[in-house]
Amino acid sequence: LREGLYSESYSLYTGFFDHTKDNEVCVPGDGPVAWVCIDDLGEGTAKLMINGGHEQETVLLTGSTSISISSVTDIFAKILHRPINFRLVSVDEYIEFHKRRGTALPYPTGEEDFLRKWATSFKALEKGESAVVDLLLQQVLGRDLVP
């Protein structure tokens, strides 16, 4: 069983965006993500385990559409009714930006080692590795997924 990226983890992929004060998303890569709600994953996983039918298969549970980090930034701007800048930067610029910005708990965002390791996640986004949409979860639940 492989689960897609949790929509609730968006802050990790949007430069630890804090909607209460930030006006910029600063990241070292962009790409589409088939975001999926943790509650939908939990319900779908339970139904798959109880109902069976996919034994000896590797199943992928994802959201029903994919959306890029830059598009998520546009959604932030619409919801918050203020401009939010999307800035694509090098890994070194990303690290310096977030070191200056400081820690956004629970993530050690002011720590270079953490930031350098986390920046590698964006390579996968750029390659489209998180963009794969599989409608199995929606079919198992028999309803639209939570956006």
Protein backbone atom coordinates (compact mmCIF):
# COMPACT_ATOMS: atom_id res chain seq x y z
CA LEU A 1 0.00 0.00 0.00
CA ARG A 2 1.48 3.32 -1.06
CA GLU A 3 -0.08 6.55 0.10
CA GLY A 4 0.25 9.86 -1.70
CA LEU A 5 1.40 13.09 -0.10
CA TYR A 6 -0.90 14.28 2.67
CA SER A 7 -2.66 17.54 1.88
CA GLU A 8 -2.21 18.38 5.55
CA SER A 9 1.57 18.48 4.99
CA TYR A 10 1.34 21.34 2.48
CA SER A 11 3.50 23.60 4.66
CA LEU A 12 6.51 21.33 4.15
CA TYR A 13 6.22 21.76 0.39
CA THR A 14 5.38 25.47 0.38
CA GLY A 15 8.49 26.66 2.17
CA PHE A 16 6.93 26.26 5.64
CA PHE A 17 4.35 28.88 4.68
CA ASP A 18 2.66 30.53 7.67
CA HIS A 19 -0.66 32.00 6.54
CA THR A 20 -0.74 34.36 9.52
CA LYS A 21 2.30 36.34 8.45
CA ASP A 22 4.01 35.16 5.25
CA ASN A 23 3.66 36.80 1.85
CA GLU A 24 6.08 34.56 0.01
CA VAL A 25 6.59 30.90 -0.82
CA CYS A 26 10.30 30.27 -1.36
CA VAL A 27 11.22 26.78 -2.60
CA PRO A 28 13.98 25.08 -4.62
CA GLY A 29 11.63 23.25 -6.97
CA ASP A 30 8.10 23.05 -8.29
CA GLY A 31 5.97 20.29 -9.65
CA PRO A 32 2.52 18.75 -9.43
CA VAL A 33 1.36 16.82 -6.38
CA ALA A 34 -1.69 14.54 -6.15
CA TRP A 35 -2.49 15.76 -2.62
CA VAL A 36 -4.70 13.50 -0.54
CA CYS A 37 -6.45 14.00 2.80
CA ILE A 38 -5.27 11.83 5.71
CA ASP A 39 -8.87 11.04 6.71
CA ASP A 40 -9.64 9.77 3.20
CA LEU A 41 -6.50 7.63 3.29
CA GLY A 42 -7.43 6.17 6.66
CA GLU A 43 -10.96 5.33 5.58
CA GLY A 44 -9.82 3.93 2.24
CA THR A 45 -7.04 1.85 3.78
CA ALA A 46 -9.47 0.37 6.32
CA LYS A 47 -11.98 -0.51 3.58
CA LEU A 48 -9.29 -2.13 1.46
CA MET A 49 -8.12 -4.22 4.40
CA ILE A 50 -11.63 -5.28 5.41
CA ASN A 51 -13.04 -5.87 1.92
CA GLY A 52 -9.91 -7.34 0.35
CA GLY A 53 -9.67 -7.80 -3.39
CA HIS A 54 -6.18 -6.39 -3.81
CA GLU A 55 -4.08 -9.08 -2.17
CA GLN A 56 -0.57 -9.45 -3.60
CA GLU A 57 -0.93 -6.07 -5.34
CA THR A 58 0.85 -2.83 -4.72
CA VAL A 59 -1.90 -0.23 -4.63
CA LEU A 60 -1.45 3.53 -4.81
CA LEU A 61 -3.84 5.81 -2.94
CA THR A 62 -3.69 9.41 -4.15
CA GLY A 63 -5.81 12.46 -4.60
CA SER A 64 -8.01 12.68 -7.69
CA THR A 65 -6.09 15.57 -9.28
CA SER A 66 -2.61 17.00 -9.07
CA ILE A 67 -1.65 20.63 -8.55
CA SER A 68 1.74 22.36 -8.53
CA ILE A 69 3.26 24.22 -5.60
CA SER A 70 3.07 27.46 -7.58
CA SER A 71 -0.67 26.87 -8.09
CA VAL A 72 -1.09 26.21 -4.37
CA THR A 73 0.51 29.63 -3.84
CA ASP A 74 -2.15 31.18 -6.08
CA ILE A 75 -4.83 29.48 -3.98
CA PHE A 76 -3.27 30.92 -0.81
CA ALA A 77 -3.49 34.41 -2.33
CA LYS A 78 -7.17 33.96 -3.24
CA ILE A 79 -8.13 32.59 0.17
CA LEU A 80 -6.10 35.14 2.13
CA HIS A 81 -7.10 38.09 -0.09
CA ARG A 82 -3.52 39.29 -0.40
CA PRO A 83 -0.66 38.82 -2.85
CA ILE A 84 1.54 35.81 -2.15
CA ASN A 85 4.75 35.68 -4.17
CA PHE A 86 6.05 32.36 -5.47
CA ARG A 87 9.85 32.34 -5.67
CA LEU A 88 11.78 29.45 -7.21
CA VAL A 89 15.38 29.55 -5.96
CA SER A 90 18.55 27.46 -5.83
CA VAL A 91 19.06 25.06 -2.93
CA ASP A 92 21.63 27.40 -1.39
CA GLU A 93 19.24 30.38 -1.64
CA TYR A 94 16.48 28.25 -0.11
CA ILE A 95 18.71 27.35 2.82
CA GLU A 96 19.82 30.95 3.40
CA PHE A 97 16.24 32.25 3.17
CA HIS A 98 14.98 29.80 5.77
CA LYS A 99 18.00 30.16 8.05
CA ARG A 100 17.35 33.92 8.17
CA ARG A 101 13.65 33.34 8.69
CA GLY A 102 14.16 31.09 11.69
CA THR A 103 12.38 28.08 13.06
CA ALA A 104 8.78 27.29 12.31
CA LEU A 105 7.99 24.58 14.82
CA PRO A 106 7.70 21.63 14.71
CA TYR A 107 10.27 21.73 11.88
CA PRO A 108 13.91 22.76 12.50
CA THR A 109 13.76 25.16 9.56
CA GLY A 110 16.64 27.28 10.78
CA GLU A 111 19.02 24.32 10.66
CA GLU A 112 21.09 23.97 7.50
CA ASP A 113 21.40 20.18 7.65
CA PHE A 114 17.63 19.74 7.85
CA LEU A 115 17.01 22.26 5.07
CA ARG A 116 19.60 20.72 2.74
CA LYS A 117 18.12 17.25 3.22
CA TRP A 118 14.56 18.49 2.84
CA ALA A 119 15.45 20.36 -0.37
CA THR A 120 16.08 17.01 -2.06
CA SER A 121 12.31 16.39 -1.89
CA PHE A 122 11.80 19.05 -4.52
CA LYS A 123 13.84 17.10 -7.08
CA ALA A 124 11.15 14.41 -6.93
CA LEU A 125 8.43 17.03 -7.45
CA GLU A 126 10.22 18.40 -10.49
CA LYS A 127 10.46 14.89 -11.95
CA GLY A 128 6.70 14.43 -11.52
CA GLU A 129 7.09 11.65 -8.97
CA SER A 130 4.26 13.04 -6.83
CA ALA A 131 1.97 13.85 -9.73
CA VAL A 132 0.64 10.36 -10.34
CA VAL A 133 -3.14 10.22 -9.93
CA ASP A 134 -4.78 6.88 -9.23
CA LEU A 135 -8.56 6.87 -8.80
CA LEU A 136 -8.65 3.69 -6.69
CA LEU A 137 -9.14 5.59 -3.42
CA GLN A 138 -12.11 7.49 -4.82
CA GLN A 139 -13.57 4.23 -6.15
CA VAL A 140 -13.09 2.43 -2.82
CA LEU A 141 -14.76 5.28 -0.93
CA GLY A 142 -17.56 5.63 -3.48
CA ARG A 143 -17.47 9.43 -3.24
CA ASP A 144 -15.44 12.48 -4.12
CA LEU A 145 -12.31 12.97 -2.07
CA VAL A 146 -11.81 15.85 0.34
CA PRO A 147 -9.81 18.48 -1.57
